[in-house]
Every structure is written in structure tokens, then in C-alpha cells.
PDB file of N, CA and C in Angstrom:
ATOM      1  N   MET A   1      25.486  -5.042  22.671  1.00  0.00           N
ATOM      2  CA  MET A   1      24.892  -5.835  24.007  1.00  0.00           C
ATOM      3  C   MET A   1      24.269  -7.031  23.732  1.00  0.00           C
ATOM      4  N   ARG A   2      24.579  -8.015  24.413  1.00  0.00           N
ATOM      5  CA  ARG A   2      23.961  -9.290  24.399  1.00  0.00           C
ATOM      6  C   ARG A   2      22.996  -9.596  25.376  1.00  0.00           C
ATOM      7  N   SER A   3      21.855 -10.239  24.898  1.00  0.00           N
ATOM      8  CA  SER A   3      20.882 -10.558  25.900  1.00  0.00           C
ATOM      9  C   SER A   3      21.351 -11.830  26.527  1.00  0.00           C
ATOM     10  N   ALA A   4      20.545 -12.410  27.572  1.00  0.00           N
ATOM     11  CA  ALA A   4      20.798 -13.532  28.502  1.00  0.00           C
ATOM     12  C   ALA A   4      21.004 -14.622  27.505  1.00  0.00           C
ATOM     13  N   SER A   5      20.298 -14.863  26.391  1.00  0.00           N
ATOM     14  CA  SER A   5      20.492 -15.935  25.387  1.00  0.00           C
ATOM     15  C   SER A   5      21.810 -15.789  24.587  1.00  0.00           C
ATOM     16  N   GLY A   6      22.564 -14.667  24.745  1.00  0.00           N
ATOM     17  CA  GLY A   6      23.816 -14.414  23.908  1.00  0.00           C
ATOM     18  C   GLY A   6      23.476 -13.715  22.611  1.00  0.00           C
ATOM     19  N   ARG A   7      22.249 -13.419  22.343  1.00  0.00           N
ATOM     20  CA  ARG A   7      22.054 -12.839  20.952  1.00  0.00           C
ATOM     21  C   ARG A   7      22.151 -11.284  21.213  1.00  0.00           C
ATOM     22  N   ARG A   8      22.712 -10.669  19.975  1.00  0.00           N
ATOM     23  CA  ARG A   8      22.759  -9.223  20.061  1.00  0.00           C
ATOM     24  C   ARG A   8      21.404  -8.550  20.144  1.00  0.00           C
ATOM     25  N   ARG A   9      21.573  -7.341  20.576  1.00  0.00           N
ATOM     26  CA  ARG A   9      20.381  -6.508  20.778  1.00  0.00           C
ATOM     27  C   ARG A   9      20.787  -5.274  19.902  1.00  0.00           C
ATOM     28  N   GLY A  10      19.997  -4.594  19.480  1.00  0.00           N
ATOM     29  CA  GLY A  10      20.262  -3.125  18.838  1.00  0.00           C
ATOM     30  C   GLY A  10      20.377  -2.149  19.667  1.00  0.00           C
ATOM     31  N   VAL A  11      21.343  -1.447  19.541  1.00  0.00           N
ATOM     32  CA  VAL A  11      21.522  -0.207  20.487  1.00  0.00           C
ATOM     33  C   VAL A  11      21.793   0.999  19.566  1.00  0.00           C
ATOM     34  N   GLU A  12      21.190   2.146  20.068  1.00  0.00           N
ATOM     35  CA  GLU A  12      21.213   3.305  19.394  1.00  0.00           C
ATOM     36  C   GLU A  12      21.843   4.360  20.309  1.00  0.00           C
ATOM     37  N   ILE A  13      22.800   5.178  19.861  1.00  0.00           N
ATOM     38  CA  ILE A  13      23.382   6.258  20.652  1.00  0.00           C
ATOM     39  C   ILE A  13      22.504   7.507  20.324  1.00  0.00           C
ATOM     40  N   GLY A  14      22.007   8.053  21.319  1.00  0.00           N
ATOM     41  CA  GLY A  14      21.069   8.989  20.932  1.00  0.00           C
ATOM     42  C   GLY A  14      21.765  10.457  20.860  1.00  0.00           C
ATOM     43  N   ALA A  15      21.094  11.594  20.490  1.00  0.00           N
ATOM     44  CA  ALA A  15      21.764  12.802  20.428  1.00  0.00           C
ATOM     45  C   ALA A  15      22.401  13.206  21.710  1.00  0.00           C
ATOM     46  N   ALA A  16      21.787  12.894  22.690  1.00  0.00           N
ATOM     47  CA  ALA A  16      22.272  13.450  24.120  1.00  0.00           C
ATOM     48  C   ALA A  16      23.307  12.406  24.625  1.00  0.00           C
ATOM     49  N   GLY A  17      23.687  11.341  23.907  1.00  0.00           N
ATOM     50  CA  GLY A  17      24.779  10.441  24.158  1.00  0.00           C
ATOM     51  C   GLY A  17      24.115   9.295  25.231  1.00  0.00           C
ATOM     52  N   THR A  18      22.808   9.254  25.062  1.00  0.00           N
ATOM     53  CA  THR A  18      22.186   8.274  26.041  1.00  0.00           C
ATOM     54  C   THR A  18      21.992   7.015  25.258  1.00  0.00           C
ATOM     55  N   LEU A  19      22.097   5.866  25.919  1.00  0.00           N
ATOM     56  CA  LEU A  19      21.892   4.506  25.251  1.00  0.00           C
ATOM     57  C   LEU A  19      20.286   4.399  25.279  1.00  0.00           C
ATOM     58  N   ILE A  20      19.748   4.004  24.049  1.00  0.00           N
ATOM     59  CA  ILE A  20      18.405   3.456  23.924  1.00  0.00           C
ATOM     60  C   ILE A  20      18.502   2.043  23.420  1.00  0.00           C
ATOM     61  N   LEU A  21      18.220   1.171  24.439  1.00  0.00           N
ATOM     62  CA  LEU A  21      18.185  -0.249  24.040  1.00  0.00           C
ATOM     63  C   LEU A  21      16.870  -0.473  23.399  1.00  0.00           C
ATOM     64  N   LEU A  22      16.959  -0.974  22.154  1.00  0.00           N
ATOM     65  CA  LEU A  22      15.792  -1.408  21.305  1.00  0.00           C
ATOM     66  C   LEU A  22      15.534  -2.917  21.557  1.00  0.00           C
ATOM     67  N   SER A  23      14.482  -3.102  21.850  1.00  0.00           N
ATOM     68  CA  SER A  23      13.918  -4.672  22.276  1.00  0.00           C
ATOM     69  C   SER A  23      13.771  -5.351  21.079  1.00  0.00           C
ATOM     70  N   CYS A  24      14.373  -4.967  19.942  1.00  0.00           N
ATOM     71  CA  CYS A  24      14.277  -5.872  18.739  1.00  0.00           C
ATOM     72  C   CYS A  24      15.011  -7.284  19.026  1.00  0.00           C
ATOM     73  N   ARG A  25      14.406  -8.427  18.815  1.00  0.00           N
ATOM     74  CA  ARG A  25      15.208  -9.505  19.028  1.00  0.00           C
ATOM     75  C   ARG A  25      15.582 -10.120  17.656  1.00  0.00           C
ATOM     76  N   LEU A  26      16.516 -10.756  17.843  1.00  0.00           N
ATOM     77  CA  LEU A  26      17.159 -11.617  16.566  1.00  0.00           C
ATOM     78  C   LEU A  26      16.113 -12.768  16.299  1.00  0.00           C
ATOM     79  N   ALA A  27      15.603 -13.427  17.212  1.00  0.00           N
ATOM     80  CA  ALA A  27      14.576 -14.569  17.018  1.00  0.00           C
ATOM     81  C   ALA A  27      13.143 -13.828  17.083  1.00  0.00           C
ATOM     82  N   THR A  28      12.643 -13.987  16.049  1.00  0.00           N
ATOM     83  CA  THR A  28      11.353 -13.440  15.766  1.00  0.00           C
ATOM     84  C   THR A  28      10.157 -14.419  15.906  1.00  0.00           C
ATOM     85  N   GLY A  29      10.421 -15.317  16.567  1.00  0.00           N
ATOM     86  CA  GLY A  29       9.422 -16.581  16.970  1.00  0.00           C
ATOM     87  C   GLY A  29       9.365 -17.530  15.919  1.00  0.00           C
ATOM     88  N   VAL A  30      10.172 -17.428  14.890  1.00  0.00           N
ATOM     89  CA  VAL A  30      10.204 -18.479  13.783  1.00  0.00           C
ATOM     90  C   VAL A  30      11.185 -19.563  14.248  1.00  0.00           C
ATOM     91  N   PRO A  31      10.810 -20.728  14.475  1.00  0.00           N
ATOM     92  CA  PRO A  31      11.793 -21.830  14.990  1.00  0.00           C
ATOM     93  C   PRO A  31      12.642 -22.363  13.671  1.00  0.00           C
ATOM     94  N   ALA A  32      13.871 -22.466  13.952  1.00  0.00           N
ATOM     95  CA  ALA A  32      14.862 -22.867  12.988  1.00  0.00           C
ATOM     96  C   ALA A  32      14.599 -24.475  12.789  1.00  0.00           C
ATOM     97  N   PRO A  33      14.722 -24.985  11.685  1.00  0.00           N
ATOM     98  CA  PRO A  33      14.655 -26.342  11.451  1.00  0.00           C
ATOM     99  C   PRO A  33      15.569 -27.186  12.018  1.00  0.00           C
ATOM    100  N   ALA A  34      15.480 -28.224  12.333  1.00  0.00           N
ATOM    101  CA  ALA A  34      16.476 -29.227  13.123  1.00  0.00           C
ATOM    102  C   ALA A  34      17.773 -29.171  12.355  1.00  0.00           C
ATOM    103  N   ARG A  35      17.597 -29.385  10.880  1.00  0.00           N
ATOM    104  CA  ARG A  35      18.762 -29.416  10.153  1.00  0.00           C
ATOM    105  C   ARG A  35      18.723 -28.325   8.933  1.00  0.00           C
ATOM    106  N   GLY A  36      20.047 -27.941   8.626  1.00  0.00           N
ATOM    107  CA  GLY A  36      19.765 -26.818   7.480  1.00  0.00           C
ATOM    108  C   GLY A  36      19.435 -25.553   8.161  1.00  0.00           C
ATOM    109  N   GLY A  37      19.839 -25.340   9.490  1.00  0.00           N
ATOM    110  CA  GLY A  37      19.198 -24.132  10.026  1.00  0.00           C
ATOM    111  C   GLY A  37      20.004 -22.895   9.643  1.00  0.00           C
ATOM    112  N   ALA A  38      21.220 -23.017   8.826  1.00  0.00           N
ATOM    113  CA  ALA A  38      21.768 -21.684   8.532  1.00  0.00           C
ATOM    114  C   ALA A  38      20.833 -20.837   7.757  1.00  0.00           C
ATOM    115  N   ALA A  39      20.014 -21.139   6.696  1.00  0.00           N
ATOM    116  CA  ALA A  39      19.247 -20.349   6.112  1.00  0.00           C
ATOM    117  C   ALA A  39      18.122 -19.853   7.031  1.00  0.00           C
ATOM    118  N   ALA A  40      17.705 -20.559   7.901  1.00  0.00           N
ATOM    119  CA  ALA A  40      16.550 -20.060   8.834  1.00  0.00           C
ATOM    120  C   ALA A  40      17.193 -18.970   9.717  1.00  0.00           C
ATOM    121  N   ALA A  41      18.381 -19.122  10.183  1.00  0.00           N
ATOM    122  CA  ALA A  41      19.159 -18.232  11.027  1.00  0.00           C
ATOM    123  C   ALA A  41      19.357 -16.943  10.153  1.00  0.00           C
ATOM    124  N   ALA A  42      19.751 -17.203   9.080  1.00  0.00           N
ATOM    125  CA  ALA A  42      20.174 -15.984   7.995  1.00  0.00           C
ATOM    126  C   ALA A  42      18.753 -15.145   7.980  1.00  0.00           C
ATOM    127  N   GLY A  43      17.541 -15.725   7.694  1.00  0.00           N
ATOM    128  CA  GLY A  43      16.344 -14.983   7.551  1.00  0.00           C
ATOM    129  C   GLY A  43      16.060 -14.571   8.773  1.00  0.00           C
ATOM    130  N   ALA A  44      16.119 -15.057   9.995  1.00  0.00           N
ATOM    131  CA  ALA A  44      15.884 -14.423  11.252  1.00  0.00           C
ATOM    132  C   ALA A  44      16.728 -13.201  11.454  1.00  0.00           C
ATOM    133  N   GLU A  45      17.962 -13.240  11.092  1.00  0.00           N
ATOM    134  CA  GLU A  45      18.732 -12.170  11.274  1.00  0.00           C
ATOM    135  C   GLU A  45      18.360 -11.044  10.394  1.00  0.00           C
ATOM    136  N   LEU A  46      17.958 -11.206   9.139  1.00  0.00           N
ATOM    137  CA  LEU A  46      17.524 -10.185   8.223  1.00  0.00           C
ATOM    138  C   LEU A  46      16.288  -9.624   8.784  1.00  0.00           C
ATOM    139  N   ARG A  47      15.527 -10.386   9.293  1.00  0.00           N
ATOM    140  CA  ARG A  47      14.131  -9.661  10.007  1.00  0.00           C
ATOM    141  C   ARG A  47      14.496  -8.834  11.158  1.00  0.00           C
ATOM    142  N   ALA A  48      15.452  -9.415  11.963  1.00  0.00           N
ATOM    143  CA  ALA A  48      15.800  -8.613  13.100  1.00  0.00           C
ATOM    144  C   ALA A  48      16.453  -7.276  12.671  1.00  0.00           C
ATOM    145  N   ARG A  49      17.265  -7.257  11.799  1.00  0.00           N
ATOM    146  CA  ARG A  49      17.942  -6.146  11.116  1.00  0.00           C
ATOM    147  C   ARG A  49      16.937  -5.027  10.567  1.00  0.00           C
ATOM    148  N   ALA A  50      16.005  -5.709   9.939  1.00  0.00           N
ATOM    149  CA  ALA A  50      15.039  -4.901   9.435  1.00  0.00           C
ATOM    150  C   ALA A  50      14.148  -4.084  10.682  1.00  0.00           C
ATOM    151  N   ALA A  51      13.791  -4.936  11.625  1.00  0.00           N
ATOM    152  CA  ALA A  51      13.147  -4.405  12.768  1.00  0.00           C
ATOM    153  C   ALA A  51      13.960  -3.560  13.435  1.00  0.00           C
ATOM    154  N   ILE A  52      15.316  -3.553  13.585  1.00  0.00           N
ATOM    155  CA  ILE A  52      16.101  -2.600  14.177  1.00  0.00           C
ATOM    156  C   ILE A  52      16.231  -1.362  13.486  1.00  0.00           C
ATOM    157  N   ASP A  53      16.290  -1.411  12.126  1.00  0.00           N
ATOM    158  CA  ASP A  53      16.398  -0.186  11.320  1.00  0.00           C
ATOM    159  C   ASP A  53      15.060   0.405  11.356  1.00  0.00           C
ATOM    160  N   SER A  54      13.966  -0.164  11.268  1.00  0.00           N
ATOM    161  CA  SER A  54      12.580   0.496  11.337  1.00  0.00           C
ATOM    162  C   SER A  54      12.404   1.175  12.713  1.00  0.00           C
ATOM    163  N   MET A  55      12.897   0.397  13.854  1.00  0.00           N
ATOM    164  CA  MET A  55      12.737   1.134  15.263  1.00  0.00           C
ATOM    165  C   MET A  55      13.586   2.340  15.205  1.00  0.00           C
ATOM    166  N   THR A  56      14.861   2.305  14.611  1.00  0.00           N
ATOM    167  CA  THR A  56      15.696   3.435  14.629  1.00  0.00           C
ATOM    168  C   THR A  56      15.139   4.664  14.099  1.00  0.00           C
ATOM    169  N   GLU A  57      14.424   4.237  12.669  1.00  0.00           N
ATOM    170  CA  GLU A  57      13.999   5.253  11.895  1.00  0.00           C
ATOM    171  C   GLU A  57      12.834   5.937  12.554  1.00  0.00           C
ATOM    172  N   GLY A  58      11.950   5.106  13.199  1.00  0.00           N
ATOM    173  CA  GLY A  58      10.758   5.472  13.776  1.00  0.00           C
ATOM    174  C   GLY A  58      10.882   6.464  14.839  1.00  0.00           C
ATOM    175  N   ILE A  59      11.860   6.202  15.625  1.00  0.00           N
ATOM    176  CA  ILE A  59      12.505   7.120  16.862  1.00  0.00           C
ATOM    177  C   ILE A  59      12.820   8.341  16.202  1.00  0.00           C
ATOM    178  N   ARG A  60      13.604   8.321  15.221  1.00  0.00           N
ATOM    179  CA  ARG A  60      14.234   9.628  14.493  1.00  0.00           C
ATOM    180  C   ARG A  60      13.040  10.363  14.065  1.00  0.00           C
ATOM    181  N   LEU A  61      12.052   9.862  13.324  1.00  0.00           N
ATOM    182  CA  LEU A  61      10.936  10.453  12.956  1.00  0.00           C
ATOM    183  C   LEU A  61      10.036  11.249  14.069  1.00  0.00           C
ATOM    184  N   PHE A  62       9.934  10.313  15.146  1.00  0.00           N
ATOM    185  CA  PHE A  62       9.200  10.726  16.285  1.00  0.00           C
ATOM    186  C   PHE A  62       9.828  12.087  16.861  1.00  0.00           C
ATOM    187  N   ARG A  63      11.180  12.115  17.092  1.00  0.00           N
ATOM    188  CA  ARG A  63      11.862  13.174  17.563  1.00  0.00           C
ATOM    189  C   ARG A  63      11.726  14.361  16.791  1.00  0.00           C
ATOM    190  N   GLU A  64      11.610  14.075  15.379  1.00  0.00           N
ATOM    191  CA  GLU A  64      11.498  15.158  14.548  1.00  0.00           C
ATOM    192  C   GLU A  64      10.128  15.794  14.467  1.00  0.00           C
ATOM    193  N   GLY A  65       9.268  15.116  15.217  1.00  0.00           N
ATOM    194  CA  GLY A  65       7.884  15.596  15.219  1.00  0.00           C
ATOM    195  C   GLY A  65       7.001  15.187  14.077  1.00  0.00           C
ATOM    196  N   ARG A  66       7.240  13.860  13.569  1.00  0.00           N
ATOM    197  CA  ARG A  66       6.534  13.382  12.502  1.00  0.00           C
ATOM    198  C   ARG A  66       6.085  12.063  12.919  1.00  0.00           C
ATOM    199  N   PRO A  67       4.856  12.091  13.837  1.00  0.00           N
ATOM    200  CA  PRO A  67       4.320  11.061  14.283  1.00  0.00           C
ATOM    201  C   PRO A  67       3.779   9.839  13.326  1.00  0.00           C
ATOM    202  N   ARG A  68       3.266  10.496  12.317  1.00  0.00           N
ATOM    203  CA  ARG A  68       2.601   9.512  11.412  1.00  0.00           C
ATOM    204  C   ARG A  68       3.617   8.692  10.685  1.00  0.00           C
ATOM    205  N   GLY A  69       4.723   9.346  10.196  1.00  0.00           N
ATOM    206  CA  GLY A  69       5.798   8.529   9.382  1.00  0.00           C
ATOM    207  C   GLY A  69       6.406   7.716  10.719  1.00  0.00           C
ATOM    208  N   ALA A  70       6.409   8.001  11.804  1.00  0.00           N
ATOM    209  CA  ALA A  70       7.068   7.281  12.785  1.00  0.00           C
ATOM    210  C   ALA A  70       6.078   6.067  13.221  1.00  0.00           C
ATOM    211  N   ALA A  71       4.838   6.315  13.192  1.00  0.00           N
ATOM    212  CA  ALA A  71       4.070   5.074  13.376  1.00  0.00           C
ATOM    213  C   ALA A  71       3.918   4.110  12.414  1.00  0.00           C
ATOM    214  N   ALA A  72       4.378   4.500  11.159  1.00  0.00           N
ATOM    215  CA  ALA A  72       4.535   3.475   9.966  1.00  0.00           C
ATOM    216  C   ALA A  72       5.645   2.486  10.271  1.00  0.00           C
ATOM    217  N   GLN A  73       6.531   3.221  10.799  1.00  0.00           N
ATOM    218  CA  GLN A  73       7.921   2.518  11.170  1.00  0.00           C
ATOM    219  C   GLN A  73       7.611   1.410  12.234  1.00  0.00           C
ATOM    220  N   PHE A  74       6.956   1.977  13.304  1.00  0.00           N
ATOM    221  CA  PHE A  74       6.708   1.210  14.511  1.00  0.00           C
ATOM    222  C   PHE A  74       5.771  -0.019  13.970  1.00  0.00           C
ATOM    223  N   GLU A  75       4.753   0.174  13.146  1.00  0.00           N
ATOM    224  CA  GLU A  75       4.004  -0.872  12.559  1.00  0.00           C
ATOM    225  C   GLU A  75       4.848  -1.942  12.115  1.00  0.00           C
ATOM    226  N   LYS A  76       5.823  -1.446  11.163  1.00  0.00           N
ATOM    227  CA  LYS A  76       6.813  -2.464  10.508  1.00  0.00           C
ATOM    228  C   LYS A  76       7.444  -3.394  11.796  1.00  0.00           C
ATOM    229  N   VAL A  77       8.035  -2.640  12.711  1.00  0.00           N
ATOM    230  CA  VAL A  77       8.532  -3.373  13.787  1.00  0.00           C
ATOM    231  C   VAL A  77       7.561  -4.550  14.369  1.00  0.00           C
ATOM    232  N   LEU A  78       6.381  -3.994  14.529  1.00  0.00           N
ATOM    233  CA  LEU A  78       5.448  -4.933  15.411  1.00  0.00           C
ATOM    234  C   LEU A  78       4.799  -5.951  14.314  1.00  0.00           C
ATOM    235  N   ARG A  79       4.821  -5.844  13.175  1.00  0.00           N
ATOM    236  CA  ARG A  79       4.925  -7.207  12.277  1.00  0.00           C
ATOM    237  C   ARG A  79       5.796  -7.921  12.273  1.00  0.00           C
ATOM    238  N   LEU A  80       6.977  -7.672  12.359  1.00  0.00           N
ATOM    239  CA  LEU A  80       8.198  -8.437  12.533  1.00  0.00           C
ATOM    240  C   LEU A  80       8.314  -9.128  13.715  1.00  0.00           C
ATOM    241  N   ASP A  81       7.990  -8.235  14.798  1.00  0.00           N
ATOM    242  CA  ASP A  81       8.077  -8.798  16.398  1.00  0.00           C
ATOM    243  C   ASP A  81       7.053  -8.182  17.072  1.00  0.00           C
ATOM    244  N   PRO A  82       5.799  -8.871  17.086  1.00  0.00           N
ATOM    245  CA  PRO A  82       4.550  -8.570  17.801  1.00  0.00           C
ATOM    246  C   PRO A  82       4.865  -8.258  19.437  1.00  0.00           C
ATOM    247  N   SER A  83       5.826  -8.824  19.986  1.00  0.00           N
ATOM    248  CA  SER A  83       5.990  -8.705  21.379  1.00  0.00           C
ATOM    249  C   SER A  83       6.936  -7.549  21.721  1.00  0.00           C
ATOM    250  N   ASN A  84       7.211  -6.787  20.901  1.00  0.00           N
ATOM    251  CA  ASN A  84       8.394  -5.682  21.022  1.00  0.00           C
ATOM    252  C   ASN A  84       7.571  -4.530  21.788  1.00  0.00           C
ATOM    253  N   ARG A  85       7.727  -4.420  22.980  1.00  0.00           N
ATOM    254  CA  ARG A  85       6.936  -3.328  23.855  1.00  0.00           C
ATOM    255  C   ARG A  85       7.535  -2.022  23.585  1.00  0.00           C
ATOM    256  N   SER A  86       8.661  -1.657  23.360  1.00  0.00           N
ATOM    257  CA  SER A  86       9.177  -0.463  23.006  1.00  0.00           C
ATOM    258  C   SER A  86       8.422   0.184  21.911  1.00  0.00           C
ATOM    259  N   ALA A  87       8.254  -0.638  20.732  1.00  0.00           N
ATOM    260  CA  ALA A  87       7.675  -0.209  19.557  1.00  0.00           C
ATOM    261  C   ALA A  87       6.127  -0.096  19.750  1.00  0.00           C
ATOM    262  N   ALA A  88       5.588  -0.879  20.637  1.00  0.00           N
ATOM    263  CA  ALA A  88       4.101  -0.713  21.009  1.00  0.00           C
ATOM    264  C   ALA A  88       3.938   0.587  21.641  1.00  0.00           C
ATOM    265  N   GLU A  89       5.002   0.914  22.751  1.00  0.00           N
ATOM    266  CA  GLU A  89       4.785   2.155  23.608  1.00  0.00           C
ATOM    267  C   GLU A  89       5.021   3.172  22.497  1.00  0.00           C
ATOM    268  N   TYR A  90       5.897   3.203  21.651  1.00  0.00           N
ATOM    269  CA  TYR A  90       6.041   4.551  20.785  1.00  0.00           C
ATOM    270  C   TYR A  90       4.841   4.609  19.965  1.00  0.00           C
ATOM    271  N   MET A  91       4.223   3.517  19.508  1.00  0.00           N
ATOM    272  CA  MET A  91       3.055   3.742  18.677  1.00  0.00           C
ATOM    273  C   MET A  91       2.003   4.294  19.345  1.00  0.00           C
ATOM    274  N   GLU A  92       1.912   4.022  20.674  1.00  0.00           N
ATOM    275  CA  GLU A  92       0.755   4.787  21.430  1.00  0.00           C
ATOM    276  C   GLU A  92       1.189   6.216  21.611  1.00  0.00           C
ATOM    277  N   ARG A  93       2.476   6.469  21.900  1.00  0.00           N
ATOM    278  CA  ARG A  93       2.791   7.857  21.707  1.00  0.00           C
ATOM    279  C   ARG A  93       2.465   8.642  20.383  1.00  0.00           C
ATOM    280  N   CYS A  94       2.678   8.024  19.401  1.00  0.00           N
ATOM    281  CA  CYS A  94       2.291   8.425  18.071  1.00  0.00           C
ATOM    282  C   CYS A  94       0.855   8.814  18.070  1.00  0.00           C
ATOM    283  N   ARG A  95       0.073   7.809  18.533  1.00  0.00           N
ATOM    284  CA  ARG A  95      -1.596   7.838  18.443  1.00  0.00           C
ATOM    285  C   ARG A  95      -2.040   9.018  19.202  1.00  0.00           C
ATOM    286  N   ARG A  96      -1.329   9.225  20.465  1.00  0.00           N
ATOM    287  CA  ARG A  96      -1.805  10.290  21.339  1.00  0.00           C
ATOM    288  C   ARG A  96      -1.224  11.745  20.521  1.00  0.00           C
ATOM    289  N   SER A  97      -0.249  11.770  19.969  1.00  0.00           N
ATOM    290  CA  SER A  97       0.413  12.972  19.346  1.00  0.00           C
ATOM    291  C   SER A  97      -0.628  13.299  18.163  1.00  0.00           C
ATOM    292  N   ILE A  98      -0.872  12.340  17.390  1.00  0.00           N
ATOM    293  CA  ILE A  98      -1.715  12.525  16.290  1.00  0.00           C
ATOM    294  C   ILE A  98      -3.248  12.912  16.454  1.00  0.00           C
ATOM    295  N   ALA A  99      -3.821  12.242  17.412  1.00  0.00           N
ATOM    296  CA  ALA A  99      -5.069  12.488  17.887  1.00  0.00           C
ATOM    297  C   ALA A  99      -5.720  13.995  18.064  1.00  0.00           C
ATOM    298  N   PRO A 100      -4.991  14.727  18.930  1.00  0.00           N
ATOM    299  CA  PRO A 100      -5.410  15.858  19.171  1.00  0.00           C
ATOM    300  C   PRO A 100      -5.296  17.044  18.031  1.00  0.00           C
ATOM    301  N   ALA A 101      -4.225  16.732  17.085  1.00  0.00           N
ATOM    302  CA  ALA A 101      -4.113  17.610  16.127  1.00  0.00           C
ATOM    303  C   ALA A 101      -4.878  17.420  14.973  1.00  0.00           C
ATOM    304  N   GLY A 102      -5.890  16.510  14.931  1.00  0.00           N
ATOM    305  CA  GLY A 102      -6.854  16.290  14.057  1.00  0.00           C
ATOM    306  C   GLY A 102      -6.257  16.382  12.587  1.00  0.00           C
ATOM    307  N   ALA A 103      -6.861  17.024  11.678  1.00  0.00           N
ATOM    308  CA  ALA A 103      -6.765  16.937  10.079  1.00  0.00           C
ATOM    309  C   ALA A 103      -5.180  17.541   9.944  1.00  0.00           C
ATOM    310  N   GLY A 104      -4.653  18.447  10.531  1.00  0.00           N
ATOM    311  CA  GLY A 104      -3.191  18.824  10.229  1.00  0.00           C
ATOM    312  C   GLY A 104      -2.144  18.322  11.163  1.00  0.00           C
ATOM    313  N   GLY A 105      -2.506  17.222  11.830  1.00  0.00           N
ATOM    314  CA  GLY A 105      -1.588  16.815  12.783  1.00  0.00           C
ATOM    315  C   GLY A 105      -0.307  16.093  12.290  1.00  0.00           C
ATOM    316  N   GLY A 106       0.870  16.414  12.753  1.00  0.00           N
ATOM    317  CA  GLY A 106       2.039  15.611  12.785  1.00  0.00           C
ATOM    318  C   GLY A 106       2.937  15.853  11.700  1.00  0.00           C
ATOM    319  N   GLU A 107       2.310  15.948  10.440  1.00  0.00           N
ATOM    320  CA  GLU A 107       3.322  16.082   9.286  1.00  0.00           C
ATOM    321  C   GLU A 107       2.737  16.816   8.242  1.00  0.00           C
TER     322      GLU A 107
END
């Protein structure tokens, strides 16, 4: 799927066949230099791929009932893309899931 700017967005096909649009952006807020932008674009693409991979892994771990592992993945996403609302929402879900469980919670 492409965003309004024409950049690819990560898409995961869930177990139930539903689409989960990941709000990982290719542009992570690092402006490309005026010249020689290929290296900067490649770096941004690598960061975006890492964010998508971490988001996908976090969702998988969360669904498996492993909120601590999932939270670690969502933290990676938020370091790469602090404006990622999906990762922030899943992080909050992880916190709520871990909090009541106390010492034995989640994993």
C-alpha cells in the first residue's frame, strides 16, 4: 500500500486474514541531503524496514501472550519513529497487560 506521498507502508496479513496497516514510515524524520541523497534514502529505507520488522515481531509476541518481549519490540519502533501511534498504542496495551500480573506477568 502506498501513502499519499507515494511511499510504501508495511502491511501484515493477520492469522484471520485481516489487514493490519502498520504506521511505519519510510521517512523517519531524517532529511536527505540536497545532493548525494541515495545514501540517505538507503539509510532511511533500512530504518523503515527495521521498524516494520520490529512492529511485526511485537504484534506476534503480543498475540502469543508475551507482553514484555512485545514491549521491547515496540520500544525499538518508537526509537526509529517516535510518531508511530500504532506502536505507542501497543506499548500501552503491553503495560496494562504486565501491570496486573506483577512479578510473574507475561513471560
